[in-house]
Amino acid sequence: MNWQRILSITEITTAVLLTIAILLQAKGAGLGAVFGGEGNVYRTKRGAERVLFFSTIVLGVLFAGAALVTLIIGTQNS
């Protein structure tokens, strides 16, 4: 397998996992919080919510890194 194919698979996988993580986080917010009402109470993240929050950040960084590396490799090959 060449590097471009591996990076493409990595991008697709991280994009799907990132989408799932974001949708799971949005499920935790109430409908009132989405439209700006009663959602402005600060509370700390605990347990699974915290793990989901940090995994979303890690997946976002991995996705951005894979996209940048794909861009760099693509410009070097052409």
C-alpha atoms as a PDB file:
ATOM      1  CA  MET A   1       0.000   0.000   0.000  1.00  0.00           C
ATOM      2  CA  ASN A   2       1.208   3.473  -0.739  1.00  0.00           C
ATOM      3  CA  TRP A   3       1.130   6.408   1.675  1.00  0.00           C
ATOM      4  CA  GLN A   4      -1.658   8.260  -0.102  1.00  0.00           C
ATOM      5  CA  ARG A   5      -4.021   5.309   0.260  1.00  0.00           C
ATOM      6  CA  ILE A   6      -3.159   4.875   3.951  1.00  0.00           C
ATOM      7  CA  LEU A   7      -3.724   8.581   4.606  1.00  0.00           C
ATOM      8  CA  SER A   8      -7.014   8.534   2.713  1.00  0.00           C
ATOM      9  CA  ILE A   9      -8.254   5.623   4.808  1.00  0.00           C
ATOM     10  CA  THR A  10      -7.072   7.439   7.956  1.00  0.00           C
ATOM     11  CA  GLU A  11      -8.933  10.607   6.947  1.00  0.00           C
ATOM     12  CA  ILE A  12     -12.168   8.756   6.228  1.00  0.00           C
ATOM     13  CA  THR A  13     -11.984   6.792   9.472  1.00  0.00           C
ATOM     14  CA  THR A  14     -11.241   9.835  11.625  1.00  0.00           C
ATOM     15  CA  ALA A  15     -13.952  11.850   9.859  1.00  0.00           C
ATOM     16  CA  VAL A  16     -16.578   9.204  10.613  1.00  0.00           C
ATOM     17  CA  LEU A  17     -15.449   8.833  14.240  1.00  0.00           C
ATOM     18  CA  LEU A  18     -15.327  12.622  14.681  1.00  0.00           C
ATOM     19  CA  THR A  19     -18.856  12.971  13.309  1.00  0.00           C
ATOM     20  CA  ILE A  20     -20.125  10.304  15.699  1.00  0.00           C
ATOM     21  CA  ALA A  21     -18.377  11.955  18.659  1.00  0.00           C
ATOM     22  CA  ILE A  22     -19.850  15.361  17.812  1.00  0.00           C
ATOM     23  CA  LEU A  23     -23.340  13.951  17.400  1.00  0.00           C
ATOM     24  CA  LEU A  24     -23.087  12.137  20.738  1.00  0.00           C
ATOM     25  CA  GLN A  25     -22.078  15.399  22.425  1.00  0.00           C
ATOM     26  CA  ALA A  26     -24.959  17.327  20.856  1.00  0.00           C
ATOM     27  CA  LYS A  27     -27.323  14.654  22.167  1.00  0.00           C
ATOM     28  CA  GLY A  28     -26.299  15.567  25.719  1.00  0.00           C
ATOM     29  CA  ALA A  29     -27.306  19.227  25.287  1.00  0.00           C
ATOM     30  CA  GLY A  30     -30.955  19.972  25.815  1.00  0.00           C
ATOM     31  CA  LEU A  31     -33.078  21.468  23.073  1.00  0.00           C
ATOM     32  CA  GLY A  32     -33.317  24.703  25.048  1.00  0.00           C
ATOM     33  CA  ALA A  33     -29.527  24.968  25.118  1.00  0.00           C
ATOM     34  CA  VAL A  34     -29.379  24.611  21.348  1.00  0.00           C
ATOM     35  CA  PHE A  35     -31.664  27.613  20.855  1.00  0.00           C
ATOM     36  CA  GLY A  36     -30.047  29.719  23.568  1.00  0.00           C
ATOM     37  CA  GLY A  37     -32.360  29.212  26.524  1.00  0.00           C
ATOM     38  CA  GLU A  38     -31.450  27.769  29.930  1.00  0.00           C
ATOM     39  CA  GLY A  39     -28.238  26.312  28.586  1.00  0.00           C
ATOM     40  CA  ASN A  40     -25.839  28.838  30.045  1.00  0.00           C
ATOM     41  CA  VAL A  41     -25.260  27.136  33.387  1.00  0.00           C
ATOM     42  CA  TYR A  42     -21.619  26.151  33.880  1.00  0.00           C
ATOM     43  CA  ARG A  43     -20.997  22.614  35.022  1.00  0.00           C
ATOM     44  CA  THR A  44     -17.982  20.354  34.917  1.00  0.00           C
ATOM     45  CA  LYS A  45     -17.745  17.378  32.630  1.00  0.00           C
ATOM     46  CA  ARG A  46     -17.495  14.042  34.414  1.00  0.00           C
ATOM     47  CA  GLY A  47     -17.082  10.438  33.430  1.00  0.00           C
ATOM     48  CA  ALA A  48     -18.042   9.447  29.914  1.00  0.00           C
ATOM     49  CA  GLU A  49     -18.880  13.046  28.951  1.00  0.00           C
ATOM     50  CA  ARG A  50     -15.314  14.106  29.720  1.00  0.00           C
ATOM     51  CA  VAL A  51     -13.810  11.177  27.792  1.00  0.00           C
ATOM     52  CA  LEU A  52     -16.044  11.992  24.829  1.00  0.00           C
ATOM     53  CA  PHE A  53     -15.023  15.664  24.977  1.00  0.00           C
ATOM     54  CA  PHE A  54     -11.289  14.903  24.955  1.00  0.00           C
ATOM     55  CA  SER A  55     -11.632  12.193  22.307  1.00  0.00           C
ATOM     56  CA  THR A  56     -13.400  14.726  20.083  1.00  0.00           C
ATOM     57  CA  ILE A  57     -10.431  17.075  20.427  1.00  0.00           C
ATOM     58  CA  VAL A  58      -7.930  14.287  19.691  1.00  0.00           C
ATOM     59  CA  LEU A  59      -9.905  13.099  16.653  1.00  0.00           C
ATOM     60  CA  GLY A  60     -10.123  16.663  15.339  1.00  0.00           C
ATOM     61  CA  VAL A  61      -6.361  17.120  15.633  1.00  0.00           C
ATOM     62  CA  LEU A  62      -5.715  13.745  13.981  1.00  0.00           C
ATOM     63  CA  PHE A  63      -8.074  14.587  11.127  1.00  0.00           C
ATOM     64  CA  ALA A  64      -6.477  17.987  10.547  1.00  0.00           C
ATOM     65  CA  GLY A  65      -2.988  16.453  10.690  1.00  0.00           C
ATOM     66  CA  ALA A  66      -3.873  13.707   8.226  1.00  0.00           C
ATOM     67  CA  ALA A  67      -5.385  16.285   5.870  1.00  0.00           C
ATOM     68  CA  LEU A  68      -2.251  18.449   6.025  1.00  0.00           C
ATOM     69  CA  VAL A  69       0.059  15.488   5.424  1.00  0.00           C
ATOM     70  CA  THR A  70      -2.107  14.389   2.482  1.00  0.00           C
ATOM     71  CA  LEU A  71      -1.886  17.898   1.069  1.00  0.00           C
ATOM     72  CA  ILE A  72       1.899  17.998   1.458  1.00  0.00           C
ATOM     73  CA  ILE A  73       2.401  14.554  -0.099  1.00  0.00           C
ATOM     74  CA  GLY A  74      -0.011  15.408  -2.929  1.00  0.00           C
ATOM     75  CA  THR A  75       1.863  18.595  -3.836  1.00  0.00           C
ATOM     76  CA  GLN A  76       5.241  16.804  -3.787  1.00  0.00           C
ATOM     77  CA  ASN A  77       4.067  14.063  -6.154  1.00  0.00           C
ATOM     78  CA  SER A  78       2.650  16.400  -8.791  1.00  0.00           C
END
